[in-house]
């Protein structure tokens, strides 16, 4: 199924373990299209089990973009993602197909659709001052400062995301203007229009899916995967490894946790991450949430999405 001349693409998003991969693959098969990953960790090679990448069979069924294209020690930003993902969108549209963006990285999806602020407002001394304030009084205090300086930007950032809070405060301090105003002036929106869909699970069921998935990751060899990456010479301090699943295993290797404690902590941190993701996604009123439960049929939901999208 194709829709030549369309300027709209589909975004399948939602919290971790909600079934985005299965749904997007089923949808891509129906539409005879391709998937662009919007996952900030699946972009790295060798980080397979811990990032829940599509399995070989799913990759064989449908062409995926922006998965396993970087070494774990390569720097990658939301701005670079925006450029690559927009290029993929254009190429898929030129084939007369409907692109499907699938992933749970709200920042990457926002970068793709809304653009990324890349203003040259940087000052190590200013940034160091805010980091010192964070050490002394915490990220919540910084967030309150940002709410007063630029409430619009503060609404788009989680109160615990100190990295982005400090960056916003740095820009406001150096420029003397609100980052939200500068962003509107300097970012370029995507030429194509997204149509958002997400799978909505009852919290208890989603958390159960998370717990089961973590156990399966361990069975598949998550601990061995991390050991392999380290044996390849990659530093445990890499940003790519500073993510749920990997950082807990590294703590086990350092003797800080038992294996069972590491597994339970992965479950706990993954549940917390899912909660943060939902806080982010609820800020987007354009997402159409589709109810899901233990009897979910991803194929049937995909058919419903395809029919609704074609009618738009």
Protein backbone atom coordinates (compact mmCIF):
# COMPACT_ATOMS: atom_id res chain seq x y z
CA UNK A 1 0.00 0.00 0.00
CA UNK A 2 1.48 3.32 -1.04
CA UNK A 3 0.32 6.89 -1.08
CA UNK A 4 2.27 8.80 -3.68
CA UNK A 5 2.50 12.55 -3.22
CA UNK A 6 1.79 12.44 0.52
CA UNK A 7 3.63 14.92 2.75
CA UNK A 8 2.64 13.15 5.97
CA UNK A 9 4.53 10.48 7.85
CA UNK A 10 3.66 8.25 10.78
CA UNK A 11 5.25 8.42 14.21
CA UNK A 12 4.89 5.38 16.50
CA UNK A 13 5.97 6.37 19.99
CA UNK A 14 5.41 5.68 23.65
CA UNK A 15 7.25 4.34 26.68
CA UNK A 16 9.79 1.56 26.68
CA UNK A 17 8.40 -2.00 26.37
CA UNK A 18 5.05 -0.76 25.03
CA UNK A 19 5.43 -2.66 21.74
CA UNK A 20 6.66 0.06 19.37
CA UNK A 21 8.91 -2.32 17.44
CA UNK A 22 6.25 -4.98 16.86
CA UNK A 23 3.66 -2.39 15.90
CA UNK A 24 5.92 -0.46 13.53
CA UNK A 25 7.08 -3.64 11.77
CA UNK A 26 3.48 -4.80 11.32
CA UNK A 27 2.52 -1.36 10.01
CA UNK A 28 5.49 -1.17 7.62
CA UNK A 29 4.54 -4.54 6.16
CA UNK A 30 0.98 -3.33 5.54
CA UNK A 31 2.14 -0.07 3.96
CA UNK A 32 5.11 -1.64 2.18
CA UNK A 33 7.33 1.01 3.71
CA UNK A 34 10.46 1.59 5.83
CA UNK A 35 11.18 2.46 9.44
CA UNK A 36 13.34 5.28 10.79
CA UNK A 37 14.47 4.58 14.34
CA UNK A 38 14.04 7.31 16.95
CA UNK A 39 16.03 5.62 19.70
CA UNK A 40 19.08 7.36 21.17
CA UNK A 41 20.87 4.10 22.00
CA UNK A 42 19.91 1.75 19.16
CA UNK A 43 21.99 3.99 16.91
CA UNK A 44 25.16 2.39 18.38
CA UNK A 45 26.74 -0.85 17.21
CA UNK A 46 27.13 -3.78 19.65
CA UNK A 47 24.50 -2.38 22.06
CA UNK A 48 21.91 -4.88 20.90
CA UNK A 49 20.30 -6.75 23.77
CA UNK A 50 20.25 -3.89 26.26
CA UNK A 51 18.62 -1.50 23.77
CA UNK A 52 16.01 -4.04 22.61
CA UNK A 53 16.89 -3.60 18.95
CA UNK A 54 14.64 -5.26 16.38
CA UNK A 55 15.65 -8.89 16.01
CA UNK A 56 17.22 -10.22 12.77
CA UNK A 57 13.86 -11.50 11.55
CA UNK A 58 12.22 -8.09 12.00
CA UNK A 59 15.16 -6.37 10.31
CA UNK A 60 14.82 -8.82 7.43
CA UNK A 61 11.10 -8.17 7.02
CA UNK A 62 11.37 -4.38 6.93
CA UNK A 63 14.18 -1.97 6.09
CA UNK A 64 15.30 0.01 9.16
CA UNK A 65 17.28 3.24 9.18
CA UNK A 66 19.58 4.72 11.86
CA UNK A 67 20.20 1.49 13.75
CA UNK A 68 23.77 0.27 14.48
CA UNK A 69 25.49 3.00 12.46
CA UNK A 70 27.92 4.39 15.06
CA UNK A 71 30.71 3.04 17.23
CA UNK A 72 29.91 3.27 20.97
CA UNK A 73 32.55 5.97 21.46
CA UNK A 74 31.30 8.25 18.67
CA UNK A 75 29.65 11.53 19.63
CA UNK A 76 26.09 11.99 18.42
CA UNK A 77 23.63 14.81 19.09
CA UNK A 78 19.96 15.52 18.53
CA UNK A 79 21.03 17.98 15.84
CA UNK A 80 22.89 15.26 13.94
CA UNK A 81 19.93 12.95 14.34
CA UNK A 82 17.67 15.63 12.87
CA UNK A 83 19.82 15.92 9.73
CA UNK A 84 20.08 12.15 9.20
CA UNK A 85 16.42 11.43 9.92
CA UNK A 86 15.18 14.22 7.63
CA UNK A 87 17.38 12.87 4.86
CA UNK A 88 15.84 9.42 5.38
CA UNK A 89 12.34 10.93 5.28
CA UNK A 90 13.07 12.61 1.97
CA UNK A 91 14.52 9.44 0.43
CA UNK A 92 11.53 7.33 1.47
CA UNK A 93 9.05 9.93 0.20
CA UNK A 94 10.90 9.99 -3.15
CA UNK A 95 10.15 6.26 -3.43
CA UNK A 96 6.47 7.08 -3.10
CA UNK A 97 6.28 5.38 0.29
CA UNK A 98 5.02 6.47 3.71
CA UNK A 99 7.86 6.77 6.24
CA UNK A 100 7.35 5.37 9.73
CA UNK A 101 9.35 6.91 12.58
CA UNK A 102 9.41 4.59 15.58
CA UNK A 103 11.01 5.10 18.97
CA UNK A 104 10.76 6.39 22.49
CA UNK A 105 13.30 9.20 22.42
CA UNK A 106 11.11 12.26 22.74
CA UNK A 107 14.07 14.57 22.20
CA UNK A 108 14.95 12.92 18.87
CA UNK A 109 11.35 13.05 17.66
CA UNK A 110 11.12 16.70 18.66
CA UNK A 111 14.40 17.43 16.86
CA UNK A 112 13.11 15.77 13.69
CA UNK A 113 9.78 17.58 13.69
CA UNK A 114 10.45 20.95 15.32
CA UNK A 115 14.16 21.40 14.68
CA UNK A 116 17.07 21.88 17.06
CA UNK A 117 18.46 25.09 18.48
CA UNK A 118 22.11 25.35 17.46
CA UNK A 119 22.89 28.93 18.46
CA UNK A 120 26.52 29.71 19.26
CA UNK A 121 25.93 30.77 22.87
CA UNK A 122 28.55 28.93 24.89
CA UNK A 123 30.68 29.93 27.84
CA UNK A 124 32.59 27.41 29.97
CA UNK A 125 32.67 29.77 32.96
CA UNK A 126 28.91 30.36 32.92
CA UNK A 127 28.23 26.65 32.54
CA UNK A 128 30.63 25.87 35.41
CA UNK A 129 28.76 28.32 37.65
CA UNK A 130 25.45 26.57 37.05
CA UNK A 131 27.05 23.16 37.60
CA UNK A 132 28.36 24.40 40.94
CA UNK A 133 24.87 25.56 41.88
CA UNK A 134 23.57 22.12 40.94
CA UNK A 135 26.15 20.43 43.18
CA UNK A 136 25.24 22.69 46.09
CA UNK A 137 21.46 22.97 45.75
CA UNK A 138 20.35 20.32 43.24
CA UNK A 139 18.74 20.28 39.81
CA UNK A 140 15.31 21.20 41.25
CA UNK A 141 16.71 24.59 42.30
CA UNK A 142 18.15 25.16 38.81
CA UNK A 143 14.81 24.23 37.32
CA UNK A 144 13.03 26.86 39.42
CA UNK A 145 15.51 29.46 38.15
CA UNK A 146 14.76 28.43 34.57
CA UNK A 147 11.01 28.61 35.21
CA UNK A 148 11.44 32.27 36.14
CA UNK A 149 13.84 33.10 33.28
CA UNK A 150 12.12 31.15 30.50
CA UNK A 151 8.90 29.35 31.55
CA UNK A 152 8.18 28.18 28.00
CA UNK A 153 11.48 26.32 27.74
CA UNK A 154 11.06 24.95 31.27
CA UNK A 155 7.77 23.34 30.23
CA UNK A 156 9.64 21.26 27.64
CA UNK A 157 12.33 19.98 30.01
CA UNK A 158 12.00 17.45 32.84
CA UNK A 159 12.87 18.95 36.22
CA UNK A 160 15.60 16.30 36.72
CA UNK A 161 17.26 16.81 33.31
CA UNK A 162 20.14 18.93 34.65
CA UNK A 163 22.10 18.79 31.39
CA UNK A 164 19.35 20.47 29.35
CA UNK A 165 18.43 22.83 32.21
CA UNK A 166 22.01 24.07 32.44
CA UNK A 167 22.23 24.46 28.67
CA UNK A 168 19.04 26.57 28.62
CA UNK A 169 20.27 28.73 31.50
CA UNK A 170 23.62 29.16 29.74
CA UNK A 171 21.92 30.40 26.57
CA UNK A 172 19.60 32.77 28.47
CA UNK A 173 22.47 34.19 30.52
CA UNK A 174 24.85 34.79 27.62
CA UNK A 175 22.29 36.06 25.11
CA UNK A 176 20.18 38.05 27.55
CA UNK A 177 17.12 36.58 25.87
CA UNK A 178 14.79 33.65 26.37
CA UNK A 179 15.96 30.46 24.72
CA UNK A 180 12.38 29.82 23.57
CA UNK A 181 12.43 33.07 21.56
CA UNK A 182 15.82 32.27 20.04
CA UNK A 183 14.68 28.74 19.20
CA UNK A 184 11.72 30.03 17.19
CA UNK A 185 14.02 32.33 15.23
CA UNK A 186 16.83 29.88 14.55
CA UNK A 187 15.23 26.47 14.08
CA UNK A 188 13.64 25.18 10.92
CA UNK A 189 10.64 22.90 11.13
CA UNK A 190 10.41 19.71 9.13
CA UNK A 191 8.99 20.02 5.60
CA UNK A 192 6.72 17.05 6.26
CA UNK A 193 3.88 16.61 8.75
CA UNK A 194 3.83 13.91 11.45
CA UNK A 195 0.77 11.90 12.45
CA UNK A 196 1.36 10.50 15.93
CA UNK A 197 0.20 7.20 17.42
CA UNK A 198 1.10 5.56 20.72
CA UNK A 199 0.21 2.41 22.62
CA UNK A 200 -1.39 3.13 25.98
CA UNK A 201 -1.05 0.43 28.62
CA UNK A 202 -2.48 0.33 32.12
CA UNK A 203 0.54 1.10 34.32
CA UNK A 204 0.60 -2.26 36.10
CA UNK A 205 0.58 -4.16 32.81
CA UNK A 206 3.32 -1.98 31.33
CA UNK A 207 5.50 -2.48 34.40
CA UNK A 208 4.93 -6.22 34.16
CA UNK A 209 6.02 -6.15 30.51
CA UNK A 210 9.14 -4.25 31.56
CA UNK A 211 10.01 -6.81 34.24
CA UNK A 212 9.54 -9.71 31.85
CA UNK A 213 11.61 -8.02 29.14
CA UNK A 214 14.50 -7.39 31.51
CA UNK A 215 14.52 -11.07 32.51
CA UNK A 216 14.57 -12.05 28.83
CA UNK A 217 17.46 -9.64 28.18
CA UNK A 218 19.45 -11.36 30.90
CA UNK A 219 18.62 -14.79 29.45
CA UNK A 220 19.74 -13.63 26.00
CA UNK A 221 23.12 -12.56 27.39
CA UNK A 222 22.98 -8.93 28.52
CA UNK A 223 25.87 -9.37 30.95
CA UNK A 224 27.96 -11.13 28.30
CA UNK A 225 27.16 -8.34 25.83
CA UNK A 226 28.53 -5.69 28.18
CA UNK A 227 31.63 -7.77 28.87
CA UNK A 228 32.19 -8.16 25.10
CA UNK A 229 31.98 -4.39 24.59
CA UNK A 230 34.56 -3.81 27.32
CA UNK A 231 36.87 -6.49 25.87
CA UNK A 232 36.73 -4.62 22.55
CA UNK A 233 38.51 -1.77 24.33
CA UNK A 234 35.60 0.60 24.88
CA UNK A 235 35.62 2.60 28.10
CA UNK A 236 32.92 1.93 30.70
CA UNK A 237 32.64 5.71 31.06
CA UNK A 238 31.22 6.23 27.56
CA UNK A 239 28.01 8.21 27.27
CA UNK A 240 26.50 5.38 25.22
CA UNK A 241 26.92 3.01 28.19
CA UNK A 242 25.48 5.51 30.66
CA UNK A 243 21.99 4.20 30.14
CA UNK A 244 19.58 1.84 31.84
CA UNK A 245 20.66 -1.76 31.52
CA UNK A 246 24.32 -1.04 30.88
CA UNK A 247 25.22 1.13 33.86
CA UNK A 248 23.75 -1.41 36.31
CA UNK A 249 25.72 -4.28 34.75
CA UNK A 250 28.87 -2.15 34.95
CA UNK A 251 28.21 -1.65 38.66
CA UNK A 252 27.98 -5.45 38.99
CA UNK A 253 31.35 -5.82 37.26
CA UNK A 254 32.78 -3.24 39.68
CA UNK A 255 31.60 -5.32 42.63
CA UNK A 256 29.02 -2.75 43.77
CA UNK A 257 26.02 -5.02 43.15
CA UNK A 258 25.26 -8.72 43.06
CA UNK A 259 23.90 -10.08 39.78
CA UNK A 260 20.37 -10.28 41.19
CA UNK A 261 20.62 -6.77 42.64
CA UNK A 262 21.74 -5.47 39.22
CA UNK A 263 18.79 -7.15 37.48
CA UNK A 264 16.28 -5.78 39.99
CA UNK A 265 17.80 -2.30 39.67
CA UNK A 266 17.50 -2.48 35.87
CA UNK A 267 13.81 -3.25 36.28
CA UNK A 268 13.34 -0.41 38.74
CA UNK A 269 15.23 2.14 36.64
CA UNK A 270 13.43 1.05 33.47
CA UNK A 271 10.08 1.60 35.16
CA UNK A 272 11.23 5.07 36.23
CA UNK A 273 12.40 5.79 32.71
CA UNK A 274 9.00 4.75 31.31
CA UNK A 275 7.32 7.13 33.74
CA UNK A 276 9.56 10.00 32.58
CA UNK A 277 8.82 9.16 28.96
CA UNK A 278 5.08 9.38 29.58
CA UNK A 279 5.49 12.78 31.26
CA UNK A 280 7.22 13.95 28.07
CA UNK A 281 4.68 12.43 25.68
CA UNK A 282 1.67 13.78 27.56
CA UNK A 283 2.85 17.26 26.63
CA UNK A 284 2.07 16.42 23.00
CA UNK A 285 -1.70 16.64 22.44
CA UNK A 286 -1.32 15.37 18.86
CA UNK A 287 -0.51 11.79 19.93
CA UNK A 288 -3.49 9.48 19.44
CA UNK A 289 -3.27 6.88 22.20
CA UNK A 290 -4.50 3.40 21.32
CA UNK A 291 -5.49 1.18 24.27
CA UNK A 292 -3.46 -2.01 24.68
CA UNK A 293 -3.70 -4.99 27.03
CA UNK A 294 -2.44 -8.57 27.33
CA UNK A 295 -4.65 -9.66 24.42
CA UNK A 296 -3.22 -7.00 22.10
CA UNK A 297 -2.88 -7.83 18.39
CA UNK A 298 -0.25 -5.57 16.89
CA UNK A 299 -1.39 -6.55 13.40
CA UNK A 300 -4.96 -5.42 14.07
CA UNK A 301 -3.79 -2.13 15.59
CA UNK A 302 -1.48 -1.62 12.62
CA UNK A 303 -4.39 -2.17 10.25
CA UNK A 304 -6.43 0.39 12.16
CA UNK A 305 -3.59 2.94 12.00
CA UNK A 306 -3.06 2.35 8.27
CA UNK A 307 -6.77 2.79 7.52
CA UNK A 308 -7.01 5.96 9.62
CA UNK A 309 -3.82 7.43 8.13
CA UNK A 310 -4.87 6.83 4.53
CA UNK A 311 -8.18 8.58 5.22
CA UNK A 312 -6.47 11.73 6.52
